[in-house]
Amino acid sequence: MTTRWPSFGTPPASPTAQATPSARDASAADRVRSLAVAASAAALVLVPTLGPLLAGTEEGAAEYDTEITPPDYAFAIWAPIFLGTTANAVQHATHPTA
């Protein structure tokens, strides 16, 4: 069933209409959020990758090989995590209001 508004007036404003920011503020906030997501994604991928290279050390599992150190293939789980994080950052950058 559709609600018909009288022709002499406008429909009442929703209670959230006054609480929502303007379109300009929302897009600025979305850009800031997108930049924050992109910076976080870059840090998540780059810090563990570049850290050992810049410090001149090996990865922790290779440097401290013990009986409980998992095999190298166990660390492959990070590839989909890094890909998913990067895909999320790209999605936020291309569609910041989503």
N, C-alpha and C. Protein backbone atom coordinates (compact mmCIF):
# COMPACT_ATOMS: atom_id res chain seq x y z
N MET A 1 0.85 -1.16 0.00
CA MET A 1 0.00 0.00 0.00
C MET A 1 0.91 1.23 0.00
N THR A 2 0.63 2.17 -0.87
CA THR A 2 1.44 3.38 -0.94
C THR A 2 0.73 4.50 -0.19
N THR A 3 1.51 5.37 0.39
CA THR A 3 0.97 6.51 1.11
C THR A 3 0.89 7.67 0.15
N ARG A 4 -0.25 8.31 0.12
CA ARG A 4 -0.43 9.47 -0.75
C ARG A 4 -0.38 10.71 0.11
N TRP A 5 0.45 11.66 -0.30
CA TRP A 5 0.58 12.90 0.43
C TRP A 5 -0.41 13.91 -0.11
N PRO A 6 -0.93 14.76 0.76
CA PRO A 6 -1.85 15.78 0.26
C PRO A 6 -1.12 16.72 -0.70
N SER A 7 -1.81 17.20 -1.69
CA SER A 7 -1.18 18.03 -2.72
C SER A 7 -0.81 19.42 -2.19
N PHE A 8 -1.32 19.83 -1.05
CA PHE A 8 -1.04 21.17 -0.52
C PHE A 8 0.19 21.21 0.38
N GLY A 9 0.83 20.08 0.63
CA GLY A 9 1.98 20.10 1.52
C GLY A 9 3.07 19.16 1.03
N THR A 10 4.13 19.17 1.76
CA THR A 10 5.23 18.27 1.46
C THR A 10 5.23 17.15 2.47
N PRO A 11 5.81 16.04 2.12
CA PRO A 11 5.84 14.94 3.09
C PRO A 11 6.67 15.33 4.31
N PRO A 12 6.32 14.82 5.46
CA PRO A 12 7.08 15.17 6.66
C PRO A 12 8.52 14.66 6.55
N ALA A 13 9.42 15.42 7.13
CA ALA A 13 10.83 15.04 7.11
C ALA A 13 11.03 13.84 8.03
N SER A 14 11.88 12.95 7.61
CA SER A 14 12.17 11.79 8.45
C SER A 14 13.00 12.26 9.65
N PRO A 15 12.95 11.55 10.76
CA PRO A 15 13.71 11.96 11.93
C PRO A 15 15.22 11.96 11.69
N THR A 16 15.68 11.17 10.73
CA THR A 16 17.12 11.12 10.47
C THR A 16 17.55 12.16 9.46
N ALA A 17 16.61 12.88 8.86
CA ALA A 17 16.97 13.85 7.83
C ALA A 17 17.85 14.97 8.39
N GLN A 18 17.58 15.40 9.61
CA GLN A 18 18.39 16.47 10.18
C GLN A 18 19.74 15.94 10.68
N ALA A 19 19.84 14.67 10.99
CA ALA A 19 21.06 14.12 11.57
C ALA A 19 22.10 13.75 10.51
N THR A 20 21.69 13.59 9.26
CA THR A 20 22.66 13.18 8.25
C THR A 20 23.48 14.37 7.78
N PRO A 21 24.77 14.18 7.56
CA PRO A 21 25.61 15.28 7.09
C PRO A 21 25.30 15.61 5.64
N SER A 22 25.76 16.74 5.21
CA SER A 22 25.54 17.12 3.83
C SER A 22 26.32 16.21 2.91
N ALA A 23 25.99 16.23 1.63
CA ALA A 23 26.67 15.37 0.65
C ALA A 23 28.15 15.72 0.57
N ARG A 24 28.48 16.98 0.72
CA ARG A 24 29.89 17.38 0.66
C ARG A 24 30.66 16.83 1.85
N ASP A 25 30.08 16.90 3.05
CA ASP A 25 30.74 16.36 4.23
C ASP A 25 30.89 14.85 4.14
N ALA A 26 29.85 14.18 3.63
CA ALA A 26 29.91 12.73 3.52
C ALA A 26 31.00 12.31 2.55
N SER A 27 31.15 13.01 1.44
CA SER A 27 32.17 12.61 0.49
C SER A 27 33.56 12.89 1.05
N ALA A 28 33.73 13.95 1.81
CA ALA A 28 35.03 14.23 2.43
C ALA A 28 35.34 13.15 3.46
N ALA A 29 34.36 12.78 4.25
CA ALA A 29 34.56 11.73 5.25
C ALA A 29 34.86 10.40 4.57
N ASP A 30 34.19 10.13 3.45
CA ASP A 30 34.44 8.89 2.72
C ASP A 30 35.86 8.86 2.16
N ARG A 31 36.34 10.00 1.68
CA ARG A 31 37.71 10.04 1.16
C ARG A 31 38.72 9.80 2.28
N VAL A 32 38.47 10.38 3.44
CA VAL A 32 39.37 10.17 4.58
C VAL A 32 39.35 8.71 4.99
N ARG A 33 38.16 8.12 5.03
CA ARG A 33 38.04 6.70 5.39
C ARG A 33 38.75 5.83 4.36
N SER A 34 38.60 6.14 3.08
CA SER A 34 39.27 5.37 2.03
C SER A 34 40.78 5.47 2.15
N LEU A 35 41.29 6.66 2.45
CA LEU A 35 42.73 6.82 2.63
C LEU A 35 43.22 6.04 3.85
N ALA A 36 42.45 6.05 4.91
CA ALA A 36 42.83 5.30 6.11
C ALA A 36 42.86 3.80 5.84
N VAL A 37 41.88 3.31 5.10
CA VAL A 37 41.85 1.88 4.76
C VAL A 37 43.04 1.54 3.86
N ALA A 38 43.33 2.40 2.88
CA ALA A 38 44.46 2.14 1.99
C ALA A 38 45.79 2.16 2.74
N ALA A 39 45.96 3.11 3.64
CA ALA A 39 47.20 3.18 4.42
C ALA A 39 47.35 1.97 5.33
N SER A 40 46.26 1.54 5.94
CA SER A 40 46.31 0.37 6.80
C SER A 40 46.62 -0.89 6.01
N ALA A 41 46.02 -1.02 4.83
CA ALA A 41 46.29 -2.18 3.99
C ALA A 41 47.74 -2.19 3.53
N ALA A 42 48.26 -1.04 3.15
CA ALA A 42 49.66 -0.96 2.73
C ALA A 42 50.59 -1.32 3.88
N ALA A 43 50.29 -0.84 5.08
CA ALA A 43 51.13 -1.16 6.23
C ALA A 43 51.07 -2.65 6.55
N LEU A 44 49.87 -3.25 6.44
CA LEU A 44 49.72 -4.67 6.74
C LEU A 44 50.56 -5.52 5.80
N VAL A 45 50.65 -5.12 4.54
CA VAL A 45 51.42 -5.89 3.57
C VAL A 45 52.90 -5.56 3.62
N LEU A 46 53.24 -4.27 3.74
CA LEU A 46 54.63 -3.86 3.61
C LEU A 46 55.48 -4.08 4.87
N VAL A 47 54.92 -3.90 6.04
CA VAL A 47 55.73 -4.00 7.26
C VAL A 47 56.33 -5.40 7.43
N PRO A 48 55.54 -6.47 7.37
CA PRO A 48 56.19 -7.78 7.54
C PRO A 48 57.05 -8.18 6.33
N THR A 49 56.78 -7.59 5.18
CA THR A 49 57.56 -7.94 3.99
C THR A 49 58.88 -7.19 3.95
N LEU A 50 58.83 -5.89 4.18
CA LEU A 50 60.04 -5.08 4.08
C LEU A 50 60.84 -5.02 5.37
N GLY A 51 60.22 -5.31 6.50
CA GLY A 51 60.92 -5.24 7.78
C GLY A 51 62.19 -6.04 7.82
N PRO A 52 62.13 -7.35 7.54
CA PRO A 52 63.37 -8.13 7.57
C PRO A 52 64.38 -7.69 6.50
N LEU A 53 63.90 -7.23 5.35
CA LEU A 53 64.81 -6.78 4.30
C LEU A 53 65.58 -5.53 4.73
N LEU A 54 64.88 -4.59 5.33
CA LEU A 54 65.53 -3.35 5.75
C LEU A 54 66.41 -3.55 6.97
N ALA A 55 66.03 -4.48 7.85
CA ALA A 55 66.81 -4.73 9.06
C ALA A 55 68.00 -5.65 8.79
N GLY A 56 68.01 -6.31 7.64
CA GLY A 56 69.11 -7.22 7.31
C GLY A 56 69.04 -8.53 8.06
N THR A 57 67.84 -8.93 8.46
CA THR A 57 67.68 -10.21 9.17
C THR A 57 66.84 -11.14 8.31
N GLU A 58 66.72 -12.38 8.76
CA GLU A 58 65.86 -13.34 8.09
C GLU A 58 64.47 -13.30 8.73
N GLU A 59 63.54 -13.99 8.10
CA GLU A 59 62.23 -14.14 8.72
C GLU A 59 62.40 -14.88 10.05
N GLY A 60 61.50 -14.65 10.98
CA GLY A 60 61.60 -15.26 12.29
C GLY A 60 61.62 -16.77 12.26
N ALA A 61 60.83 -17.40 11.38
CA ALA A 61 60.77 -18.85 11.32
C ALA A 61 62.06 -19.43 10.76
N ALA A 62 62.71 -18.73 9.86
CA ALA A 62 63.97 -19.22 9.30
C ALA A 62 65.13 -18.95 10.25
N GLU A 63 65.06 -17.84 10.95
CA GLU A 63 66.15 -17.45 11.84
C GLU A 63 66.17 -18.29 13.12
N TYR A 64 64.99 -18.61 13.64
CA TYR A 64 64.89 -19.37 14.88
C TYR A 64 64.19 -20.70 14.60
N ASP A 65 64.87 -21.62 13.97
CA ASP A 65 64.29 -22.91 13.62
C ASP A 65 64.33 -23.82 14.85
N THR A 66 63.14 -24.16 15.34
CA THR A 66 63.02 -25.04 16.51
C THR A 66 62.14 -26.22 16.15
N GLU A 67 61.91 -27.09 17.10
CA GLU A 67 61.06 -28.26 16.88
C GLU A 67 59.61 -27.89 16.61
N ILE A 68 59.17 -26.75 17.14
CA ILE A 68 57.76 -26.37 16.97
C ILE A 68 57.54 -25.33 15.88
N THR A 69 58.61 -24.97 15.17
CA THR A 69 58.47 -24.01 14.08
C THR A 69 57.70 -24.67 12.93
N PRO A 70 56.64 -24.04 12.46
CA PRO A 70 55.87 -24.65 11.38
C PRO A 70 56.67 -24.63 10.08
N PRO A 71 56.33 -25.52 9.15
CA PRO A 71 57.03 -25.52 7.86
C PRO A 71 56.69 -24.27 7.05
N ASP A 72 57.51 -23.99 6.06
CA ASP A 72 57.35 -22.77 5.27
C ASP A 72 55.97 -22.67 4.62
N TYR A 73 55.42 -23.79 4.14
CA TYR A 73 54.13 -23.73 3.45
C TYR A 73 52.99 -23.31 4.38
N ALA A 74 53.18 -23.42 5.68
CA ALA A 74 52.13 -23.00 6.62
C ALA A 74 51.92 -21.49 6.58
N PHE A 75 52.93 -20.76 6.15
CA PHE A 75 52.82 -19.31 6.09
C PHE A 75 52.12 -18.83 4.82
N ALA A 76 51.75 -19.75 3.94
CA ALA A 76 51.05 -19.39 2.71
C ALA A 76 49.66 -18.83 3.00
N ILE A 77 49.14 -19.03 4.20
CA ILE A 77 47.83 -18.47 4.55
C ILE A 77 47.82 -16.96 4.46
N TRP A 78 49.01 -16.34 4.56
CA TRP A 78 49.07 -14.89 4.51
C TRP A 78 48.80 -14.34 3.11
N ALA A 79 49.01 -15.13 2.08
CA ALA A 79 48.75 -14.66 0.71
C ALA A 79 47.28 -14.27 0.52
N PRO A 80 46.31 -15.13 0.85
CA PRO A 80 44.91 -14.70 0.69
C PRO A 80 44.52 -13.58 1.65
N ILE A 81 45.16 -13.54 2.82
CA ILE A 81 44.86 -12.44 3.75
C ILE A 81 45.33 -11.12 3.15
N PHE A 82 46.55 -11.10 2.61
CA PHE A 82 47.06 -9.88 1.97
C PHE A 82 46.23 -9.51 0.74
N LEU A 83 45.85 -10.50 -0.06
CA LEU A 83 45.03 -10.22 -1.25
C LEU A 83 43.66 -9.67 -0.87
N GLY A 84 43.04 -10.26 0.14
CA GLY A 84 41.73 -9.77 0.58
C GLY A 84 41.79 -8.36 1.14
N THR A 85 42.83 -8.08 1.89
CA THR A 85 43.00 -6.73 2.44
C THR A 85 43.23 -5.72 1.33
N THR A 86 44.04 -6.08 0.35
CA THR A 86 44.28 -5.20 -0.78
C THR A 86 43.01 -5.00 -1.61
N ALA A 87 42.26 -6.07 -1.83
CA ALA A 87 41.00 -5.95 -2.58
C ALA A 87 40.01 -5.05 -1.84
N ASN A 88 39.96 -5.15 -0.52
CA ASN A 88 39.08 -4.29 0.26
C ASN A 88 39.49 -2.83 0.13
N ALA A 89 40.80 -2.56 0.17
CA ALA A 89 41.28 -1.18 0.03
C ALA A 89 40.96 -0.63 -1.35
N VAL A 90 41.10 -1.46 -2.39
CA VAL A 90 40.78 -1.01 -3.75
C VAL A 90 39.28 -0.74 -3.87
N GLN A 91 38.46 -1.60 -3.28
CA GLN A 91 37.01 -1.41 -3.33
C GLN A 91 36.62 -0.10 -2.64
N HIS A 92 37.22 0.19 -1.50
CA HIS A 92 36.93 1.43 -0.80
C HIS A 92 37.41 2.65 -1.57
N ALA A 93 38.52 2.50 -2.27
CA ALA A 93 39.04 3.63 -3.05
C ALA A 93 38.18 3.91 -4.28
N THR A 94 37.64 2.86 -4.90
CA THR A 94 36.85 3.05 -6.11
C THR A 94 35.38 3.37 -5.80
N HIS A 95 34.87 2.85 -4.71
CA HIS A 95 33.47 3.09 -4.31
C HIS A 95 33.45 3.50 -2.84
N PRO A 96 33.82 4.74 -2.53
CA PRO A 96 33.98 5.13 -1.12
C PRO A 96 32.69 5.16 -0.31
N THR A 97 31.54 5.19 -0.94
CA THR A 97 30.29 5.22 -0.17
C THR A 97 29.72 3.84 0.08
N ALA A 98 30.35 2.82 -0.45
CA ALA A 98 29.83 1.45 -0.29
C ALA A 98 30.11 0.91 1.09
